[in-house]
């Protein structure tokens, strides 16, 4: 595809939406949380242990992810489970994994 063709297909009205999304994803703790949620929903304790993000940081970052509608919650008794709610974010995470995690970055 030529550069001019690409420019014609870009919807500039979505720029703010995209930059807001990228700002949320740019935090290392939030990115780790999303990484551990790729395969399944997890409760807060599982996220804390797997992502290695301690309280109260974990609560703050989960709140931001929830407010940005990237994750949703489900309550089971006293436990709160988190999962992806925006499949576009899941696609971004899978792309990032393919670009940065599957290959040895040190070889580039």
N, C-alpha and C. Protein backbone atom coordinates (compact mmCIF):
# COMPACT_ATOMS: atom_id res chain seq x y z
N UNK A 1 0.86 -1.19 0.00
CA UNK A 1 0.00 0.00 0.00
C UNK A 1 0.89 1.24 0.00
N UNK A 2 0.57 2.18 -0.83
CA UNK A 2 1.33 3.41 -0.92
C UNK A 2 1.01 4.31 0.25
N UNK A 3 1.96 5.18 0.59
CA UNK A 3 1.78 6.10 1.72
C UNK A 3 0.56 6.99 1.52
N UNK A 4 0.33 7.48 0.32
CA UNK A 4 -0.84 8.33 0.06
C UNK A 4 -2.15 7.59 0.28
N UNK A 5 -2.20 6.30 -0.09
CA UNK A 5 -3.39 5.50 0.14
C UNK A 5 -3.65 5.34 1.63
N UNK A 6 -2.59 5.14 2.41
CA UNK A 6 -2.73 4.98 3.84
C UNK A 6 -3.28 6.25 4.48
N UNK A 7 -2.76 7.41 4.07
CA UNK A 7 -3.22 8.67 4.62
C UNK A 7 -4.71 8.89 4.37
N UNK A 8 -5.19 8.47 3.25
CA UNK A 8 -6.60 8.66 2.92
C UNK A 8 -7.50 7.81 3.80
N UNK A 9 -6.99 6.71 4.34
CA UNK A 9 -7.80 5.81 5.14
C UNK A 9 -7.75 6.13 6.64
N UNK A 10 -6.85 6.99 7.04
CA UNK A 10 -6.73 7.35 8.44
C UNK A 10 -7.85 8.30 8.83
N UNK A 11 -8.55 7.96 9.91
CA UNK A 11 -9.63 8.79 10.42
C UNK A 11 -9.07 9.67 11.54
N UNK A 12 -8.73 10.91 11.21
CA UNK A 12 -8.09 11.81 12.18
C UNK A 12 -8.99 12.17 13.34
N UNK A 13 -10.27 11.94 13.22
CA UNK A 13 -11.18 12.23 14.33
C UNK A 13 -10.96 11.25 15.49
N UNK A 14 -10.25 10.17 15.25
CA UNK A 14 -9.99 9.16 16.27
C UNK A 14 -8.65 9.35 16.99
N UNK A 15 -7.92 10.38 16.63
CA UNK A 15 -6.59 10.57 17.20
C UNK A 15 -6.63 10.69 18.72
N UNK A 16 -7.55 11.44 19.27
CA UNK A 16 -7.62 11.59 20.72
C UNK A 16 -7.95 10.27 21.41
N UNK A 17 -8.84 9.49 20.82
CA UNK A 17 -9.17 8.18 21.35
C UNK A 17 -7.94 7.28 21.40
N UNK A 18 -7.17 7.28 20.33
CA UNK A 18 -5.96 6.46 20.25
C UNK A 18 -4.91 6.93 21.24
N UNK A 19 -4.69 8.23 21.33
CA UNK A 19 -3.67 8.72 22.26
C UNK A 19 -4.06 8.46 23.70
N UNK A 20 -5.35 8.57 24.02
CA UNK A 20 -5.80 8.25 25.38
C UNK A 20 -5.53 6.78 25.70
N UNK A 21 -5.79 5.92 24.75
CA UNK A 21 -5.53 4.49 24.92
C UNK A 21 -4.05 4.23 25.13
N UNK A 22 -3.22 4.84 24.31
CA UNK A 22 -1.78 4.63 24.41
C UNK A 22 -1.22 5.18 25.71
N UNK A 23 -1.79 6.26 26.23
CA UNK A 23 -1.36 6.80 27.52
C UNK A 23 -1.62 5.79 28.63
N UNK A 24 -2.77 5.14 28.59
CA UNK A 24 -3.09 4.13 29.61
C UNK A 24 -2.12 2.96 29.49
N UNK A 25 -1.86 2.53 28.28
CA UNK A 25 -0.97 1.39 28.06
C UNK A 25 0.49 1.69 28.37
N UNK A 26 0.86 2.97 28.41
CA UNK A 26 2.27 3.32 28.58
C UNK A 26 2.79 3.16 30.01
N UNK A 27 1.92 2.88 30.96
CA UNK A 27 2.36 2.67 32.34
C UNK A 27 2.82 1.22 32.51
N UNK A 28 4.04 0.99 33.02
CA UNK A 28 4.55 -0.38 33.16
C UNK A 28 3.68 -1.29 34.02
N UNK A 29 3.14 -0.77 35.13
CA UNK A 29 2.30 -1.61 35.99
C UNK A 29 1.00 -2.00 35.29
N UNK A 30 0.39 -1.07 34.59
CA UNK A 30 -0.84 -1.39 33.87
C UNK A 30 -0.57 -2.39 32.75
N UNK A 31 0.56 -2.23 32.09
CA UNK A 31 0.92 -3.16 31.02
C UNK A 31 1.13 -4.57 31.58
N UNK A 32 1.78 -4.67 32.73
CA UNK A 32 1.98 -5.98 33.37
C UNK A 32 0.63 -6.61 33.74
N UNK A 33 -0.27 -5.79 34.27
CA UNK A 33 -1.60 -6.30 34.65
C UNK A 33 -2.31 -6.85 33.42
N UNK A 34 -2.29 -6.10 32.34
CA UNK A 34 -2.94 -6.56 31.11
C UNK A 34 -2.28 -7.82 30.57
N UNK A 35 -0.97 -7.92 30.68
CA UNK A 35 -0.26 -9.11 30.22
C UNK A 35 -0.75 -10.37 30.94
N UNK A 36 -0.96 -10.27 32.24
CA UNK A 36 -1.38 -11.47 32.98
C UNK A 36 -2.85 -11.79 32.76
N UNK A 37 -3.61 -10.83 32.25
CA UNK A 37 -5.04 -11.07 31.99
C UNK A 37 -5.30 -11.62 30.58
N UNK A 38 -4.28 -11.75 29.77
CA UNK A 38 -4.48 -12.18 28.38
C UNK A 38 -5.15 -13.54 28.30
N UNK A 39 -4.73 -14.48 29.10
CA UNK A 39 -5.23 -15.85 28.97
C UNK A 39 -6.53 -16.12 29.71
N UNK A 40 -6.78 -15.39 30.79
CA UNK A 40 -7.99 -15.68 31.58
C UNK A 40 -8.27 -14.56 32.56
N UNK A 41 -9.47 -14.61 33.12
CA UNK A 41 -9.79 -13.65 34.18
C UNK A 41 -9.09 -14.10 35.45
N UNK A 42 -8.71 -13.13 36.27
CA UNK A 42 -8.02 -13.40 37.52
C UNK A 42 -8.60 -12.54 38.62
N UNK A 43 -8.50 -13.02 39.85
CA UNK A 43 -8.91 -12.18 40.97
C UNK A 43 -7.75 -11.29 41.37
N UNK A 44 -8.01 -10.35 42.25
CA UNK A 44 -7.02 -9.34 42.62
C UNK A 44 -5.75 -9.99 43.19
N UNK A 45 -5.91 -10.99 44.05
CA UNK A 45 -4.75 -11.65 44.64
C UNK A 45 -3.91 -12.35 43.57
N UNK A 46 -4.56 -12.98 42.60
CA UNK A 46 -3.83 -13.64 41.52
C UNK A 46 -3.08 -12.63 40.66
N UNK A 47 -3.73 -11.50 40.39
CA UNK A 47 -3.07 -10.45 39.60
C UNK A 47 -1.86 -9.92 40.35
N UNK A 48 -2.02 -9.67 41.65
CA UNK A 48 -0.92 -9.14 42.46
C UNK A 48 0.27 -10.09 42.43
N UNK A 49 0.02 -11.37 42.59
CA UNK A 49 1.10 -12.35 42.63
C UNK A 49 1.75 -12.53 41.25
N UNK A 50 0.95 -12.64 40.22
CA UNK A 50 1.46 -12.93 38.88
C UNK A 50 2.13 -11.71 38.24
N UNK A 51 1.51 -10.55 38.37
CA UNK A 51 2.05 -9.33 37.76
C UNK A 51 3.13 -8.69 38.61
N UNK A 52 3.22 -9.12 39.86
CA UNK A 52 4.19 -8.55 40.81
C UNK A 52 4.01 -7.04 40.97
N UNK A 53 2.75 -6.65 41.12
CA UNK A 53 2.39 -5.26 41.40
C UNK A 53 1.71 -5.27 42.76
N UNK A 54 2.31 -4.55 43.72
CA UNK A 54 1.82 -4.59 45.09
C UNK A 54 0.72 -3.57 45.34
N UNK A 55 -0.07 -3.85 46.37
CA UNK A 55 -1.07 -2.90 46.84
C UNK A 55 -0.31 -1.72 47.44
N UNK A 56 -0.78 -0.49 47.42
CA UNK A 56 -2.03 -0.01 46.83
C UNK A 56 -1.91 0.34 45.35
N UNK A 57 -0.68 0.20 44.81
CA UNK A 57 -0.48 0.50 43.38
C UNK A 57 -1.42 -0.32 42.51
N UNK A 58 -1.58 -1.59 42.84
CA UNK A 58 -2.44 -2.46 42.05
C UNK A 58 -3.86 -1.92 41.99
N UNK A 59 -4.39 -1.53 43.13
CA UNK A 59 -5.76 -0.99 43.17
C UNK A 59 -5.89 0.27 42.32
N UNK A 60 -4.90 1.14 42.41
CA UNK A 60 -4.93 2.38 41.63
C UNK A 60 -4.91 2.08 40.13
N UNK A 61 -4.06 1.16 39.73
CA UNK A 61 -3.93 0.85 38.31
C UNK A 61 -5.14 0.09 37.78
N UNK A 62 -5.71 -0.80 38.58
CA UNK A 62 -6.93 -1.49 38.18
C UNK A 62 -8.09 -0.52 38.01
N UNK A 63 -8.15 0.49 38.87
CA UNK A 63 -9.18 1.52 38.75
C UNK A 63 -9.05 2.26 37.43
N UNK A 64 -7.84 2.62 37.06
CA UNK A 64 -7.61 3.33 35.79
C UNK A 64 -8.00 2.44 34.61
N UNK A 65 -7.62 1.16 34.66
CA UNK A 65 -7.97 0.23 33.58
C UNK A 65 -9.49 0.05 33.48
N UNK A 66 -10.15 0.00 34.63
CA UNK A 66 -11.61 -0.14 34.66
C UNK A 66 -12.29 1.11 34.13
N UNK A 67 -11.83 2.29 34.55
CA UNK A 67 -12.42 3.55 34.08
C UNK A 67 -12.20 3.77 32.59
N UNK A 68 -11.11 3.25 32.07
CA UNK A 68 -10.85 3.37 30.63
C UNK A 68 -11.56 2.28 29.84
N UNK A 69 -12.28 1.43 30.55
CA UNK A 69 -13.08 0.34 29.96
C UNK A 69 -12.23 -0.70 29.24
N UNK A 70 -10.99 -0.84 29.67
CA UNK A 70 -10.13 -1.88 29.10
C UNK A 70 -10.38 -3.21 29.79
N UNK A 71 -10.77 -3.15 31.06
CA UNK A 71 -11.10 -4.36 31.81
C UNK A 71 -12.47 -4.20 32.46
N UNK A 72 -13.07 -5.33 32.75
CA UNK A 72 -14.34 -5.33 33.47
C UNK A 72 -14.19 -6.24 34.69
N UNK A 73 -15.14 -6.14 35.59
CA UNK A 73 -15.07 -6.93 36.82
C UNK A 73 -16.28 -7.83 36.96
N UNK A 74 -16.06 -8.87 37.75
CA UNK A 74 -17.12 -9.78 38.13
C UNK A 74 -16.89 -10.13 39.59
N UNK A 75 -17.94 -10.00 40.40
CA UNK A 75 -17.82 -10.30 41.82
C UNK A 75 -18.32 -11.71 42.09
N UNK A 76 -17.54 -12.43 42.88
CA UNK A 76 -17.93 -13.76 43.35
C UNK A 76 -17.64 -13.80 44.85
N UNK A 77 -18.68 -13.59 45.64
CA UNK A 77 -18.49 -13.46 47.09
C UNK A 77 -17.69 -12.21 47.38
N UNK A 78 -16.58 -12.37 48.10
CA UNK A 78 -15.72 -11.23 48.42
C UNK A 78 -14.64 -11.01 47.37
N UNK A 79 -14.54 -11.91 46.43
CA UNK A 79 -13.50 -11.82 45.41
C UNK A 79 -13.99 -11.02 44.21
N UNK A 80 -13.10 -10.21 43.66
CA UNK A 80 -13.39 -9.48 42.43
C UNK A 80 -12.46 -10.01 41.35
N UNK A 81 -13.05 -10.42 40.24
CA UNK A 81 -12.30 -10.95 39.11
C UNK A 81 -12.24 -9.91 38.01
N UNK A 82 -11.09 -9.82 37.35
CA UNK A 82 -10.88 -8.88 36.25
C UNK A 82 -10.65 -9.65 34.96
N UNK A 83 -11.15 -9.07 33.87
CA UNK A 83 -10.94 -9.65 32.55
C UNK A 83 -10.94 -8.55 31.51
N UNK A 84 -10.42 -8.85 30.33
CA UNK A 84 -10.47 -7.88 29.23
C UNK A 84 -11.92 -7.58 28.88
N UNK A 85 -12.23 -6.33 28.64
CA UNK A 85 -13.57 -5.97 28.18
C UNK A 85 -13.54 -5.33 26.80
N UNK A 86 -12.35 -4.95 26.36
CA UNK A 86 -12.20 -4.31 25.05
C UNK A 86 -11.29 -5.20 24.20
N UNK A 87 -11.87 -5.87 23.23
CA UNK A 87 -11.10 -6.80 22.41
C UNK A 87 -10.04 -6.09 21.55
N UNK A 88 -10.21 -4.79 21.34
CA UNK A 88 -9.17 -4.04 20.62
C UNK A 88 -7.89 -4.00 21.45
N UNK A 89 -8.04 -3.85 22.76
CA UNK A 89 -6.88 -3.83 23.66
C UNK A 89 -6.22 -5.20 23.68
N UNK A 90 -7.04 -6.24 23.68
CA UNK A 90 -6.49 -7.60 23.62
C UNK A 90 -5.67 -7.78 22.34
N UNK A 91 -6.16 -7.28 21.22
CA UNK A 91 -5.42 -7.36 19.96
C UNK A 91 -4.10 -6.59 20.04
N UNK A 92 -4.14 -5.42 20.66
CA UNK A 92 -2.91 -4.63 20.84
C UNK A 92 -1.91 -5.41 21.68
N UNK A 93 -2.38 -6.01 22.77
CA UNK A 93 -1.51 -6.78 23.65
C UNK A 93 -0.91 -7.98 22.92
N UNK A 94 -1.71 -8.66 22.12
CA UNK A 94 -1.21 -9.80 21.35
C UNK A 94 -0.17 -9.35 20.32
N UNK A 95 -0.40 -8.19 19.72
CA UNK A 95 0.57 -7.64 18.76
C UNK A 95 1.87 -7.29 19.46
N UNK A 96 1.77 -6.63 20.62
CA UNK A 96 2.97 -6.29 21.38
C UNK A 96 3.74 -7.54 21.78
N UNK A 97 3.01 -8.57 22.19
CA UNK A 97 3.65 -9.83 22.55
C UNK A 97 4.41 -10.39 21.35
N UNK A 98 3.78 -10.38 20.19
CA UNK A 98 4.42 -10.89 18.99
C UNK A 98 5.65 -10.10 18.60
N UNK A 99 5.59 -8.80 18.79
CA UNK A 99 6.71 -7.93 18.41
C UNK A 99 7.86 -7.95 19.41
N UNK A 100 7.54 -8.03 20.70
CA UNK A 100 8.57 -7.84 21.72
C UNK A 100 8.86 -9.04 22.59
N UNK A 101 7.98 -9.99 22.66
CA UNK A 101 8.17 -11.10 23.60
C UNK A 101 8.53 -12.42 22.93
N UNK A 102 8.09 -12.62 21.69
CA UNK A 102 8.36 -13.90 21.03
C UNK A 102 9.79 -13.99 20.50
N UNK A 103 10.37 -12.88 20.15
CA UNK A 103 11.73 -12.86 19.61
C UNK A 103 12.68 -12.29 20.65
N UNK A 104 13.91 -12.69 20.56
CA UNK A 104 14.93 -12.15 21.46
C UNK A 104 15.25 -10.74 21.00
N UNK A 105 14.83 -9.75 21.80
CA UNK A 105 15.03 -8.34 21.42
C UNK A 105 16.51 -7.97 21.36
N UNK A 106 17.35 -8.68 22.12
CA UNK A 106 18.77 -8.34 22.15
C UNK A 106 19.47 -8.65 20.83
N UNK A 107 18.85 -9.48 19.98
CA UNK A 107 19.46 -9.83 18.71
C UNK A 107 19.27 -8.77 17.65
N UNK A 108 18.42 -7.76 17.91
CA UNK A 108 18.18 -6.70 16.91
C UNK A 108 19.25 -5.66 16.94
